[in-house]
Amino acid sequence: MDRHEVRNALMKAGISPDAFDLEGVHEHVPLPPDFWFLRRSADGRWEIGAYERGVYDVRQAFDTEEDACAGLWHALTGRPVPS
């Protein structure tokens, strides 16, 4: 699952589009007060975490976009990645 696929799956699952931000695919302007994010880190890895009150809090880092998308899906839904 890539960023486009996880965006579509989250929307289909009924997750509010304001609840997440995906680098290069689903970004907010202006920023809501809080949301989950998925972005590439300075070292080329992928990060997921929470943005709250102007602070990005990285919760996990992954080597691949696919693993990061699975981590974000699980964080927002509590379920395993759909097949």
PDB file of N, CA and C in Angstrom:
ATOM      1  N   MET A   1       0.851  -1.173   0.000  1.00  0.00           N
ATOM      2  CA  MET A   1       0.000   0.000   0.000  1.00  0.00           C
ATOM      3  C   MET A   1       0.898   1.239   0.000  1.00  0.00           C
ATOM      4  N   ASP A   2       0.632   2.162  -0.932  1.00  0.00           N
ATOM      5  CA  ASP A   2       1.384   3.405  -0.955  1.00  0.00           C
ATOM      6  C   ASP A   2       0.508   4.542  -0.408  1.00  0.00           C
ATOM      7  N   ARG A   3       1.012   5.785  -0.471  1.00  0.00           N
ATOM      8  CA  ARG A   3       0.282   6.924   0.097  1.00  0.00           C
ATOM      9  C   ARG A   3      -1.063   7.158  -0.587  1.00  0.00           C
ATOM     10  N   HIS A   4      -1.127   6.956  -1.887  1.00  0.00           N
ATOM     11  CA  HIS A   4      -2.392   7.136  -2.607  1.00  0.00           C
ATOM     12  C   HIS A   4      -3.408   6.079  -2.164  1.00  0.00           C
ATOM     13  N   GLU A   5      -2.946   4.854  -2.056  1.00  0.00           N
ATOM     14  CA  GLU A   5      -3.835   3.751  -1.664  1.00  0.00           C
ATOM     15  C   GLU A   5      -4.301   3.894  -0.223  1.00  0.00           C
ATOM     16  N   VAL A   6      -3.406   4.305   0.685  1.00  0.00           N
ATOM     17  CA  VAL A   6      -3.826   4.450   2.077  1.00  0.00           C
ATOM     18  C   VAL A   6      -4.806   5.608   2.218  1.00  0.00           C
ATOM     19  N   ARG A   7      -4.611   6.692   1.444  1.00  0.00           N
ATOM     20  CA  ARG A   7      -5.580   7.795   1.475  1.00  0.00           C
ATOM     21  C   ARG A   7      -6.961   7.295   1.058  1.00  0.00           C
ATOM     22  N   ASN A   8      -7.020   6.555  -0.036  1.00  0.00           N
ATOM     23  CA  ASN A   8      -8.303   6.044  -0.517  1.00  0.00           C
ATOM     24  C   ASN A   8      -8.933   5.086   0.482  1.00  0.00           C
ATOM     25  N   ALA A   9      -8.127   4.215   1.079  1.00  0.00           N
ATOM     26  CA  ALA A   9      -8.645   3.255   2.054  1.00  0.00           C
ATOM     27  C   ALA A   9      -9.157   3.956   3.311  1.00  0.00           C
ATOM     28  N   LEU A  10      -8.429   4.979   3.778  1.00  0.00           N
ATOM     29  CA  LEU A  10      -8.873   5.724   4.965  1.00  0.00           C
ATOM     30  C   LEU A  10     -10.185   6.453   4.702  1.00  0.00           C
ATOM     31  N   MET A  11     -10.304   7.064   3.535  1.00  0.00           N
ATOM     32  CA  MET A  11     -11.546   7.760   3.195  1.00  0.00           C
ATOM     33  C   MET A  11     -12.702   6.757   3.092  1.00  0.00           C
ATOM     34  N   LYS A  12     -12.447   5.612   2.459  1.00  0.00           N
ATOM     35  CA  LYS A  12     -13.479   4.575   2.320  1.00  0.00           C
ATOM     36  C   LYS A  12     -13.907   4.044   3.685  1.00  0.00           C
ATOM     37  N   ALA A  13     -12.960   4.005   4.638  1.00  0.00           N
ATOM     38  CA  ALA A  13     -13.261   3.518   5.993  1.00  0.00           C
ATOM     39  C   ALA A  13     -13.993   4.570   6.828  1.00  0.00           C
ATOM     40  N   GLY A  14     -14.182   5.772   6.261  1.00  0.00           N
ATOM     41  CA  GLY A  14     -14.915   6.807   6.974  1.00  0.00           C
ATOM     42  C   GLY A  14     -14.072   7.702   7.862  1.00  0.00           C
ATOM     43  N   ILE A  15     -12.751   7.618   7.726  1.00  0.00           N
ATOM     44  CA  ILE A  15     -11.868   8.487   8.506  1.00  0.00           C
ATOM     45  C   ILE A  15     -11.937   9.894   7.902  1.00  0.00           C
ATOM     46  N   SER A  16     -12.118  10.885   8.739  1.00  0.00           N
ATOM     47  CA  SER A  16     -12.214  12.261   8.269  1.00  0.00           C
ATOM     48  C   SER A  16     -10.947  12.672   7.527  1.00  0.00           C
ATOM     49  N   PRO A  17     -11.071  13.369   6.402  1.00  0.00           N
ATOM     50  CA  PRO A  17      -9.883  13.833   5.696  1.00  0.00           C
ATOM     51  C   PRO A  17      -9.058  14.818   6.521  1.00  0.00           C
ATOM     52  N   ASP A  18      -9.646  15.427   7.539  1.00  0.00           N
ATOM     53  CA  ASP A  18      -8.905  16.320   8.426  1.00  0.00           C
ATOM     54  C   ASP A  18      -8.044  15.563   9.430  1.00  0.00           C
ATOM     55  N   ALA A  19      -8.224  14.244   9.533  1.00  0.00           N
ATOM     56  CA  ALA A  19      -7.539  13.445  10.547  1.00  0.00           C
ATOM     57  C   ALA A  19      -6.131  13.023  10.140  1.00  0.00           C
ATOM     58  N   PHE A  20      -5.754  13.240   8.865  1.00  0.00           N
ATOM     59  CA  PHE A  20      -4.445  12.780   8.415  1.00  0.00           C
ATOM     60  C   PHE A  20      -3.884  13.683   7.332  1.00  0.00           C
ATOM     61  N   ASP A  21      -2.550  13.654   7.211  1.00  0.00           N
ATOM     62  CA  ASP A  21      -1.808  14.439   6.230  1.00  0.00           C
ATOM     63  C   ASP A  21      -0.742  13.522   5.636  1.00  0.00           C
ATOM     64  N   LEU A  22      -0.757  13.371   4.322  1.00  0.00           N
ATOM     65  CA  LEU A  22       0.180  12.484   3.641  1.00  0.00           C
ATOM     66  C   LEU A  22       1.041  13.310   2.704  1.00  0.00           C
ATOM     67  N   GLU A  23       2.316  13.344   2.965  1.00  0.00           N
ATOM     68  CA  GLU A  23       3.238  14.163   2.173  1.00  0.00           C
ATOM     69  C   GLU A  23       3.062  13.926   0.680  1.00  0.00           C
ATOM     70  N   GLY A  24       2.841  15.018  -0.053  1.00  0.00           N
ATOM     71  CA  GLY A  24       2.754  14.959  -1.495  1.00  0.00           C
ATOM     72  C   GLY A  24       1.453  14.413  -2.049  1.00  0.00           C
ATOM     73  N   VAL A  25       0.533  13.984  -1.191  1.00  0.00           N
ATOM     74  CA  VAL A  25      -0.701  13.354  -1.649  1.00  0.00           C
ATOM     75  C   VAL A  25      -1.936  14.010  -1.046  1.00  0.00           C
ATOM     76  N   HIS A  26      -1.913  14.258   0.234  1.00  0.00           N
ATOM     77  CA  HIS A  26      -3.081  14.783   0.955  1.00  0.00           C
ATOM     78  C   HIS A  26      -2.556  15.726   2.036  1.00  0.00           C
ATOM     79  N   GLU A  27      -2.424  17.006   1.677  1.00  0.00           N
ATOM     80  CA  GLU A  27      -1.839  17.976   2.597  1.00  0.00           C
ATOM     81  C   GLU A  27      -2.834  19.088   2.884  1.00  0.00           C
ATOM     82  N   HIS A  28      -2.761  19.650   4.091  1.00  0.00           N
ATOM     83  CA  HIS A  28      -3.700  20.680   4.533  1.00  0.00           C
ATOM     84  C   HIS A  28      -3.128  22.086   4.399  1.00  0.00           C
ATOM     85  N   VAL A  29      -3.964  23.009   3.928  1.00  0.00           N
ATOM     86  CA  VAL A  29      -3.639  24.432   3.942  1.00  0.00           C
ATOM     87  C   VAL A  29      -4.957  25.151   4.225  1.00  0.00           C
ATOM     88  N   PRO A  30      -5.088  25.801   5.343  1.00  0.00           N
ATOM     89  CA  PRO A  30      -4.167  25.858   6.480  1.00  0.00           C
ATOM     90  C   PRO A  30      -4.223  24.560   7.287  1.00  0.00           C
ATOM     91  N   LEU A  31      -3.265  24.422   8.189  1.00  0.00           N
ATOM     92  CA  LEU A  31      -3.194  23.213   9.016  1.00  0.00           C
ATOM     93  C   LEU A  31      -4.310  23.187  10.057  1.00  0.00           C
ATOM     94  N   PRO A  32      -4.980  22.027  10.208  1.00  0.00           N
ATOM     95  CA  PRO A  32      -5.915  21.876  11.321  1.00  0.00           C
ATOM     96  C   PRO A  32      -5.129  21.809  12.636  1.00  0.00           C
ATOM     97  N   PRO A  33      -5.795  21.919  13.791  1.00  0.00           N
ATOM     98  CA  PRO A  33      -5.072  21.931  15.060  1.00  0.00           C
ATOM     99  C   PRO A  33      -4.386  20.606  15.394  1.00  0.00           C
ATOM    100  N   ASP A  34      -4.916  19.498  14.882  1.00  0.00           N
ATOM    101  CA  ASP A  34      -4.266  18.208  15.149  1.00  0.00           C
ATOM    102  C   ASP A  34      -4.635  17.207  14.058  1.00  0.00           C
ATOM    103  N   PHE A  35      -3.689  16.308  13.778  1.00  0.00           N
ATOM    104  CA  PHE A  35      -3.885  15.254  12.778  1.00  0.00           C
ATOM    105  C   PHE A  35      -2.708  14.288  12.855  1.00  0.00           C
ATOM    106  N   TRP A  36      -2.861  13.134  12.226  1.00  0.00           N
ATOM    107  CA  TRP A  36      -1.763  12.187  12.049  1.00  0.00           C
ATOM    108  C   TRP A  36      -1.080  12.508  10.728  1.00  0.00           C
ATOM    109  N   PHE A  37       0.232  12.283  10.669  1.00  0.00           N
ATOM    110  CA  PHE A  37       0.969  12.568   9.441  1.00  0.00           C
ATOM    111  C   PHE A  37       1.825  11.381   9.025  1.00  0.00           C
ATOM    112  N   LEU A  38       2.132  11.363   7.728  1.00  0.00           N
ATOM    113  CA  LEU A  38       3.089  10.425   7.139  1.00  0.00           C
ATOM    114  C   LEU A  38       3.971  11.269   6.232  1.00  0.00           C
ATOM    115  N   ARG A  39       5.279  11.202   6.457  1.00  0.00           N
ATOM    116  CA  ARG A  39       6.206  12.016   5.672  1.00  0.00           C
ATOM    117  C   ARG A  39       7.564  11.332   5.589  1.00  0.00           C
ATOM    118  N   ARG A  40       8.357  11.771   4.626  1.00  0.00           N
ATOM    119  CA  ARG A  40       9.734  11.284   4.489  1.00  0.00           C
ATOM    120  C   ARG A  40      10.610  12.108   5.428  1.00  0.00           C
ATOM    121  N   SER A  41      11.499  11.435   6.115  1.00  0.00           N
ATOM    122  CA  SER A  41      12.401  12.125   7.046  1.00  0.00           C
ATOM    123  C   SER A  41      13.646  12.618   6.305  1.00  0.00           C
ATOM    124  N   ALA A  42      14.450  13.409   6.981  1.00  0.00           N
ATOM    125  CA  ALA A  42      15.673  13.959   6.389  1.00  0.00           C
ATOM    126  C   ALA A  42      16.644  12.859   5.962  1.00  0.00           C
ATOM    127  N   ASP A  43      16.605  11.711   6.649  1.00  0.00           N
ATOM    128  CA  ASP A  43      17.524  10.615   6.309  1.00  0.00           C
ATOM    129  C   ASP A  43      16.930   9.625   5.302  1.00  0.00           C
ATOM    130  N   GLY A  44      15.769   9.971   4.713  1.00  0.00           N
ATOM    131  CA  GLY A  44      15.183   9.132   3.671  1.00  0.00           C
ATOM    132  C   GLY A  44      14.249   8.053   4.162  1.00  0.00           C
ATOM    133  N   ARG A  45      14.088   7.927   5.470  1.00  0.00           N
ATOM    134  CA  ARG A  45      13.132   6.960   6.012  1.00  0.00           C
ATOM    135  C   ARG A  45      11.741   7.583   5.978  1.00  0.00           C
ATOM    136  N   TRP A  46      10.747   6.865   6.432  1.00  0.00           N
ATOM    137  CA  TRP A  46       9.366   7.342   6.484  1.00  0.00           C
ATOM    138  C   TRP A  46       8.937   7.435   7.931  1.00  0.00           C
ATOM    139  N   GLU A  47       8.256   8.516   8.273  1.00  0.00           N
ATOM    140  CA  GLU A  47       7.805   8.752   9.641  1.00  0.00           C
ATOM    141  C   GLU A  47       6.285   8.874   9.692  1.00  0.00           C
ATOM    142  N   ILE A  48       5.726   8.375  10.791  1.00  0.00           N
ATOM    143  CA  ILE A  48       4.326   8.662  11.099  1.00  0.00           C
ATOM    144  C   ILE A  48       4.291   9.234  12.511  1.00  0.00           C
ATOM    145  N   GLY A  49       3.284  10.035  12.757  1.00  0.00           N
ATOM    146  CA  GLY A  49       3.159  10.614  14.081  1.00  0.00           C
ATOM    147  C   GLY A  49       1.973  11.539  14.159  1.00  0.00           C
ATOM    148  N   ALA A  50       1.914  12.275  15.237  1.00  0.00           N
ATOM    149  CA  ALA A  50       0.804  13.187  15.490  1.00  0.00           C
ATOM    150  C   ALA A  50       1.293  14.631  15.470  1.00  0.00           C
ATOM    151  N   TYR A  51       0.494  15.479  14.873  1.00  0.00           N
ATOM    152  CA  TYR A  51       0.716  16.922  14.892  1.00  0.00           C
ATOM    153  C   TYR A  51      -0.324  17.491  15.842  1.00  0.00           C
ATOM    154  N   GLU A  52       0.143  18.167  16.880  1.00  0.00           N
ATOM    155  CA  GLU A  52      -0.769  18.753  17.860  1.00  0.00           C
ATOM    156  C   GLU A  52      -0.231  20.104  18.297  1.00  0.00           C
ATOM    157  N   ARG A  53      -1.076  21.117  18.165  1.00  0.00           N
ATOM    158  CA  ARG A  53      -0.745  22.473  18.627  1.00  0.00           C
ATOM    159  C   ARG A  53       0.599  22.971  18.098  1.00  0.00           C
ATOM    160  N   GLY A  54       0.849  22.753  16.817  1.00  0.00           N
ATOM    161  CA  GLY A  54       2.058  23.277  16.189  1.00  0.00           C
ATOM    162  C   GLY A  54       3.303  22.435  16.343  1.00  0.00           C
ATOM    163  N   VAL A  55       3.180  21.227  16.907  1.00  0.00           N
ATOM    164  CA  VAL A  55       4.344  20.369  17.145  1.00  0.00           C
ATOM    165  C   VAL A  55       4.146  19.022  16.450  1.00  0.00           C
ATOM    166  N   TYR A  56       5.141  18.628  15.655  1.00  0.00           N
ATOM    167  CA  TYR A  56       5.146  17.303  15.037  1.00  0.00           C
ATOM    168  C   TYR A  56       5.806  16.326  16.007  1.00  0.00           C
ATOM    169  N   ASP A  57       5.077  15.290  16.399  1.00  0.00           N
ATOM    170  CA  ASP A  57       5.571  14.272  17.323  1.00  0.00           C
ATOM    171  C   ASP A  57       5.704  12.951  16.560  1.00  0.00           C
ATOM    172  N   VAL A  58       6.934  12.614  16.156  1.00  0.00           N
ATOM    173  CA  VAL A  58       7.169  11.383  15.405  1.00  0.00           C
ATOM    174  C   VAL A  58       6.997  10.206  16.358  1.00  0.00           C
ATOM    175  N   ARG A  59       6.118   9.293  15.996  1.00  0.00           N
ATOM    176  CA  ARG A  59       5.841   8.121  16.834  1.00  0.00           C
ATOM    177  C   ARG A  59       6.586   6.881  16.357  1.00  0.00           C
ATOM    178  N   GLN A  60       6.758   6.758  15.022  1.00  0.00           N
ATOM    179  CA  GLN A  60       7.466   5.604  14.477  1.00  0.00           C
ATOM    180  C   GLN A  60       8.176   6.011  13.187  1.00  0.00           C
ATOM    181  N   ALA A  61       9.275   5.324  12.892  1.00  0.00           N
ATOM    182  CA  ALA A  61       9.997   5.510  11.632  1.00  0.00           C
ATOM    183  C   ALA A  61      10.119   4.155  10.939  1.00  0.00           C
ATOM    184  N   PHE A  62      10.046   4.169   9.616  1.00  0.00           N
ATOM    185  CA  PHE A  62      10.042   2.940   8.819  1.00  0.00           C
ATOM    186  C   PHE A  62      11.025   3.081   7.665  1.00  0.00           C
ATOM    187  N   ASP A  63      11.501   1.953   7.176  1.00  0.00           N
ATOM    188  CA  ASP A  63      12.425   1.958   6.046  1.00  0.00           C
ATOM    189  C   ASP A  63      11.707   2.118   4.714  1.00  0.00           C
ATOM    190  N   THR A  64      10.439   1.694   4.641  1.00  0.00           N
ATOM    191  CA  THR A  64       9.715   1.749   3.369  1.00  0.00           C
ATOM    192  C   THR A  64       8.407   2.512   3.510  1.00  0.00           C
ATOM    193  N   GLU A  65       7.968   3.076   2.389  1.00  0.00           N
ATOM    194  CA  GLU A  65       6.673   3.757   2.338  1.00  0.00           C
ATOM    195  C   GLU A  65       5.547   2.772   2.663  1.00  0.00           C
ATOM    196  N   GLU A  66       5.642   1.561   2.148  1.00  0.00           N
ATOM    197  CA  GLU A  66       4.615   0.544   2.383  1.00  0.00           C
ATOM    198  C   GLU A  66       4.448   0.261   3.878  1.00  0.00           C
ATOM    199  N   ASP A  67       5.553   0.093   4.587  1.00  0.00           N
ATOM    200  CA  ASP A  67       5.474  -0.167   6.026  1.00  0.00           C
ATOM    201  C   ASP A  67       4.918   1.034   6.784  1.00  0.00           C
ATOM    202  N   ALA A  68       5.295   2.237   6.362  1.00  0.00           N
ATOM    203  CA  ALA A  68       4.783   3.442   7.011  1.00  0.00           C
ATOM    204  C   ALA A  68       3.288   3.583   6.788  1.00  0.00           C
ATOM    205  N   CYS A  69       2.821   3.283   5.585  1.00  0.00           N
ATOM    206  CA  CYS A  69       1.387   3.348   5.296  1.00  0.00           C
ATOM    207  C   CYS A  69       0.623   2.337   6.139  1.00  0.00           C
ATOM    208  N   ALA A  70       1.173   1.143   6.289  1.00  0.00           N
ATOM    209  CA  ALA A  70       0.534   0.132   7.134  1.00  0.00           C
ATOM    210  C   ALA A  70       0.494   0.607   8.582  1.00  0.00           C
ATOM    211  N   GLY A  71       1.565   1.246   9.040  1.00  0.00           N
ATOM    212  CA  GLY A  71       1.593   1.772  10.403  1.00  0.00           C
ATOM    213  C   GLY A  71       0.575   2.871  10.619  1.00  0.00           C
ATOM    214  N   LEU A  72       0.434   3.761   9.644  1.00  0.00           N
ATOM    215  CA  LEU A  72      -0.558   4.831   9.747  1.00  0.00           C
ATOM    216  C   LEU A  72      -1.971   4.263   9.721  1.00  0.00           C
ATOM    217  N   TRP A  73      -2.222   3.329   8.821  1.00  0.00           N
ATOM    218  CA  TRP A  73      -3.536   2.680   8.749  1.00  0.00           C
ATOM    219  C   TRP A  73      -3.897   2.088  10.108  1.00  0.00           C
ATOM    220  N   HIS A  74      -2.971   1.343  10.688  1.00  0.00           N
ATOM    221  CA  HIS A  74      -3.239   0.703  11.983  1.00  0.00           C
ATOM    222  C   HIS A  74      -3.447   1.750  13.080  1.00  0.00           C
ATOM    223  N   ALA A  75      -2.657   2.830  13.070  1.00  0.00           N
ATOM    224  CA  ALA A  75      -2.798   3.876  14.088  1.00  0.00           C
ATOM    225  C   ALA A  75      -4.169   4.539  14.016  1.00  0.00           C
ATOM    226  N   LEU A  76      -4.684   4.724  12.807  1.00  0.00           N
ATOM    227  CA  LEU A  76      -5.961   5.424  12.653  1.00  0.00           C
ATOM    228  C   LEU A  76      -7.177   4.522  12.739  1.00  0.00           C
ATOM    229  N   THR A  77      -7.024   3.245  12.438  1.00  0.00           N
ATOM    230  CA  THR A  77      -8.183   2.354  12.432  1.00  0.00           C
ATOM    231  C   THR A  77      -8.133   1.273  13.491  1.00  0.00           C
ATOM    232  N   GLY A  78      -6.931   0.937  13.954  1.00  0.00           N
ATOM    233  CA  GLY A  78      -6.791  -0.168  14.914  1.00  0.00           C
ATOM    234  C   GLY A  78      -6.925  -1.533  14.263  1.00  0.00           C
ATOM    235  N   ARG A  79      -6.940  -1.552  12.920  1.00  0.00           N
ATOM    236  CA  ARG A  79      -7.123  -2.806  12.195  1.00  0.00           C
ATOM    237  C   ARG A  79      -5.910  -3.097  11.332  1.00  0.00           C
ATOM    238  N   PRO A  80      -5.731  -4.385  10.961  1.00  0.00           N
ATOM    239  CA  PRO A  80      -4.661  -4.711  10.024  1.00  0.00           C
ATOM    240  C   PRO A  80      -4.978  -4.130   8.642  1.00  0.00           C
ATOM    241  N   VAL A  81      -3.968  -4.002   7.822  1.00  0.00           N
ATOM    242  CA  VAL A  81      -4.121  -3.457   6.474  1.00  0.00           C
ATOM    243  C   VAL A  81      -5.072  -4.343   5.679  1.00  0.00           C
ATOM    244  N   PRO A  82      -6.041  -3.722   4.960  1.00  0.00           N
ATOM    245  CA  PRO A  82      -6.950  -4.530   4.141  1.00  0.00           C
ATOM    246  C   PRO A  82      -6.218  -5.194   2.988  1.00  0.00           C
ATOM    247  N   SER A  83      -6.711  -6.348   2.585  1.00  0.00           N
ATOM    248  CA  SER A  83      -6.061  -7.057   1.465  1.00  0.00           C
ATOM    249  C   SER A  83      -6.544  -6.557   0.143  1.00  0.00           C
TER     250      SER A  83
END
